[in-house]
Protein backbone atom coordinates (compact mmCIF):
# COMPACT_ATOMS: atom_id res chain seq x y z
CA UNK A 1 -144.35 80.41 -63.24
CA UNK A 2 -147.69 78.71 -62.58
CA UNK A 3 -145.95 75.54 -61.34
CA UNK A 4 -143.53 77.37 -59.03
CA UNK A 5 -146.21 78.53 -56.64
CA UNK A 6 -147.58 75.06 -55.71
CA UNK A 7 -144.03 73.76 -55.33
CA UNK A 8 -143.20 76.73 -53.12
CA UNK A 9 -146.29 76.09 -51.01
CA UNK A 10 -145.34 72.42 -50.62
CA UNK A 11 -141.80 73.43 -49.67
CA UNK A 12 -143.16 75.89 -47.11
CA UNK A 13 -145.39 73.20 -45.59
CA UNK A 14 -142.44 70.79 -45.44
CA UNK A 15 -140.29 73.40 -43.67
CA UNK A 16 -143.19 74.15 -41.31
CA UNK A 17 -143.48 70.47 -40.42
CA UNK A 18 -139.76 70.12 -39.69
CA UNK A 19 -139.81 71.41 -36.08
CA UNK A 20 -142.73 69.09 -35.25
CA UNK A 21 -140.93 66.10 -36.73
CA UNK A 22 -137.78 67.02 -34.80
CA UNK A 23 -139.83 67.40 -31.62
CA UNK A 24 -141.35 63.93 -32.13
CA UNK A 25 -137.84 62.53 -32.71
CA UNK A 26 -136.60 64.11 -29.46
CA UNK A 27 -139.47 62.56 -27.49
CA UNK A 28 -139.00 59.17 -29.19
CA UNK A 29 -135.26 59.27 -28.44
CA UNK A 30 -136.00 59.94 -24.77
CA UNK A 31 -138.41 56.99 -24.66
CA UNK A 32 -135.77 54.69 -26.17
CA UNK A 33 -133.17 55.94 -23.66
CA UNK A 34 -135.55 55.53 -20.71
CA UNK A 35 -136.39 51.96 -21.74
CA UNK A 36 -132.65 51.25 -22.14
CA UNK A 37 -132.23 52.44 -18.53
CA UNK A 38 -134.79 49.87 -17.43
CA UNK A 39 -137.70 52.26 -16.87
CA UNK A 40 -141.08 50.47 -16.92
CA UNK A 41 -143.72 51.63 -19.38
CA UNK A 42 -146.26 52.20 -16.62
CA UNK A 43 -146.97 51.50 -12.95
CA UNK A 44 -146.17 48.01 -11.69
CA UNK A 45 -149.56 48.15 -9.95
CA UNK A 46 -151.07 47.28 -13.34
CA UNK A 47 -153.22 50.41 -13.55
CA UNK A 48 -152.75 53.41 -15.83
CA UNK A 49 -154.22 56.53 -14.23
CA UNK A 50 -154.37 59.96 -15.89
CA UNK A 51 -153.92 61.73 -12.53
CA UNK A 52 -152.66 60.95 -9.03
CA UNK A 53 -153.33 63.70 -6.49
CA UNK A 54 -151.27 62.47 -3.52
CA UNK A 55 -147.70 63.70 -3.96
CA UNK A 56 -146.45 61.39 -1.20
CA UNK A 57 -148.01 58.13 -2.38
CA UNK A 58 -146.22 55.27 -4.13
CA UNK A 59 -148.26 56.18 -7.25
CA UNK A 60 -146.43 59.50 -7.70
CA UNK A 61 -144.15 59.45 -10.77
CA UNK A 62 -145.82 56.22 -11.91
CA UNK A 63 -148.83 57.53 -13.81
CA UNK A 64 -149.38 60.21 -16.46
CA UNK A 65 -149.74 63.31 -14.26
CA UNK A 66 -149.29 64.06 -10.55
CA UNK A 67 -148.66 67.21 -8.46
CA UNK A 68 -145.04 67.28 -9.63
CA UNK A 69 -146.32 67.74 -13.18
CA UNK A 70 -146.76 71.40 -12.20
CA UNK A 71 -142.98 71.72 -11.69
CA UNK A 72 -142.52 70.47 -15.26
CA UNK A 73 -145.12 73.00 -16.41
CA UNK A 74 -142.87 75.63 -14.82
CA UNK A 75 -139.90 74.19 -16.73
CA UNK A 76 -141.82 75.23 -19.84
CA UNK A 77 -142.34 78.74 -18.45
CA UNK A 78 -138.62 79.07 -17.68
CA UNK A 79 -137.53 77.67 -21.06
CA UNK A 80 -139.90 80.02 -22.89
CA UNK A 81 -138.32 83.06 -21.24
CA UNK A 82 -134.73 81.89 -21.48
CA UNK A 83 -134.97 80.79 -25.10
CA UNK A 84 -136.64 84.05 -26.12
CA UNK A 85 -133.53 85.79 -24.76
CA UNK A 86 -130.99 83.31 -26.12
CA UNK A 87 -132.60 82.58 -29.50
CA UNK A 88 -134.56 85.75 -30.35
CA UNK A 89 -134.43 85.14 -34.11
CA UNK A 90 -135.67 81.56 -33.93
CA UNK A 91 -139.38 81.01 -34.54
CA UNK A 92 -141.48 79.93 -31.58
CA UNK A 93 -141.84 76.40 -32.98
CA UNK A 94 -138.07 75.96 -32.99
CA UNK A 95 -137.82 77.34 -29.47
CA UNK A 96 -140.57 74.92 -28.40
CA UNK A 97 -138.54 72.10 -29.96
CA UNK A 98 -135.45 73.14 -27.98
CA UNK A 99 -137.52 73.37 -24.78
CA UNK A 100 -138.98 69.88 -25.22
CA UNK A 101 -135.58 68.47 -26.21
CA UNK A 102 -134.08 69.93 -23.02
CA UNK A 103 -136.94 68.48 -21.00
CA UNK A 104 -136.48 65.10 -22.69
CA UNK A 105 -132.77 65.18 -21.84
CA UNK A 106 -133.63 66.04 -18.24
CA UNK A 107 -136.07 63.11 -18.05
CA UNK A 108 -133.28 60.75 -19.12
CA UNK A 109 -130.79 62.31 -16.67
CA UNK A 110 -133.36 62.43 -13.85
CA UNK A 111 -133.88 58.68 -14.13
CA UNK A 112 -130.22 57.72 -13.82
CA UNK A 113 -129.19 55.96 -10.62
CA UNK A 114 -127.04 58.95 -9.65
CA UNK A 115 -129.92 61.47 -9.71
CA UNK A 116 -132.44 59.05 -8.16
CA UNK A 117 -130.04 58.48 -5.25
CA UNK A 118 -129.43 62.22 -5.00
CA UNK A 119 -133.19 62.81 -4.61
CA UNK A 120 -133.32 60.18 -1.87
CA UNK A 121 -130.37 61.70 -0.01
CA UNK A 122 -131.13 65.41 -0.43
CA UNK A 123 -134.93 65.63 -0.34
CA UNK A 124 -137.83 64.04 1.52
CA UNK A 125 -138.43 61.67 -1.44
CA UNK A 126 -137.01 58.69 0.45
CA UNK A 127 -138.87 56.05 -1.56
CA UNK A 128 -138.36 57.66 -4.96
CA UNK A 129 -137.46 54.98 -7.52
CA UNK A 130 -137.63 57.00 -10.72
CA UNK A 131 -140.36 57.64 -13.27
CA UNK A 132 -142.23 55.32 -15.56
CA UNK A 133 -142.03 56.10 -19.27
CA UNK A 134 -145.68 57.21 -19.18
CA UNK A 135 -144.92 59.67 -16.39
CA UNK A 136 -141.91 61.02 -18.29
CA UNK A 137 -144.14 61.53 -21.33
CA UNK A 138 -146.58 63.42 -19.10
CA UNK A 139 -143.72 65.58 -17.82
CA UNK A 140 -142.61 66.41 -21.37
CA UNK A 141 -146.21 67.27 -22.30
CA UNK A 142 -146.48 69.50 -19.20
CA UNK A 143 -143.29 71.31 -20.21
CA UNK A 144 -144.63 71.90 -23.73
CA UNK A 145 -147.93 73.16 -22.30
CA UNK A 146 -146.06 75.49 -19.95
CA UNK A 147 -144.03 76.88 -22.84
CA UNK A 148 -147.17 77.56 -24.89
CA UNK A 149 -148.98 79.09 -21.91
CA UNK A 150 -146.05 81.39 -21.09
CA UNK A 151 -145.79 82.45 -24.73
CA UNK A 152 -149.47 83.38 -24.73
CA UNK A 153 -149.36 85.14 -21.34
CA UNK A 154 -146.33 87.31 -22.09
CA UNK A 155 -143.39 87.94 -19.74
CA UNK A 156 -145.07 89.87 -16.92
CA UNK A 157 -148.14 87.64 -16.53
CA UNK A 158 -146.06 84.49 -17.02
CA UNK A 159 -143.80 85.58 -14.15
CA UNK A 160 -146.82 86.16 -11.91
CA UNK A 161 -148.29 82.73 -12.76
CA UNK A 162 -144.87 81.13 -12.15
CA UNK A 163 -144.61 82.72 -8.69
CA UNK A 164 -148.22 81.87 -7.80
CA UNK A 165 -147.72 78.23 -8.85
CA UNK A 166 -144.57 78.00 -6.74
CA UNK A 167 -146.47 79.31 -3.69
CA UNK A 168 -149.41 76.93 -4.23
CA UNK A 169 -147.02 73.97 -4.51
CA UNK A 170 -145.21 74.97 -1.31
CA UNK A 171 -148.48 74.95 0.65
CA UNK A 172 -149.95 71.93 -1.15
CA UNK A 173 -147.05 69.44 -1.32
CA UNK A 174 -144.28 71.26 0.62
CA UNK A 175 -142.18 71.27 -2.51
CA UNK A 176 -141.76 73.37 -5.66
CA UNK A 177 -139.46 73.72 -8.64
CA UNK A 178 -137.14 76.21 -6.94
CA UNK A 179 -137.06 74.30 -3.64
CA UNK A 180 -136.38 71.08 -5.54
CA UNK A 181 -133.37 72.64 -7.29
CA UNK A 182 -132.09 74.20 -4.06
CA UNK A 183 -132.23 70.90 -2.18
CA UNK A 184 -130.52 69.00 -4.99
CA UNK A 185 -127.65 71.49 -5.06
CA UNK A 186 -127.51 72.48 -1.36
CA UNK A 187 -129.16 69.82 0.83
CA UNK A 188 -130.68 71.20 4.04
CA UNK A 189 -131.77 69.00 6.93
CA UNK A 190 -134.04 71.81 8.14
CA UNK A 191 -135.90 72.03 4.82
CA UNK A 192 -135.97 68.26 4.48
CA UNK A 193 -137.51 67.95 7.98
CA UNK A 194 -140.10 70.61 7.07
CA UNK A 195 -141.01 68.68 3.93
CA UNK A 196 -141.39 65.44 5.89
CA UNK A 197 -143.63 67.03 8.56
CA UNK A 198 -146.71 66.94 6.34
């Protein structure tokens, strides 16, 4: 009886660590896949910046964070809400794992030639050449942060922050998560011209 309790505590700690180990494995798998696709570790300029503020510069998608990191933050908001509906019995750590795994899968898909060319054709991102691995890691971190923020805010406040962030992005960089999705699915020359007239 006295020995069962420490063993039970160790077993509980091991089970508690499982989602974090799985999350690390998902991120590591994405890194391996991105490198297999030919993605560079970091910017060919030879610098590694934590932040690039100009969404239209050649440095965008090459460093850790940039204005588009906010769209990945919103991925986390969306995943938090959707997974709470789809997996209500799963603990938040497991839902976070699923969110990051989905984001990791998107990072791999986003950096295929097909999607890169689609961005060039359908949006104003004419010179887009894909992300560096460092930028993809930043995007996955932004998604995780968005998930945690949305969980803390609760549904109503998270929805307000989501909408406010979308509006700020539209005025700041003439792009947003929703506009990005719309243009990828239904390209519009009018919207593309508006984006380019910055």
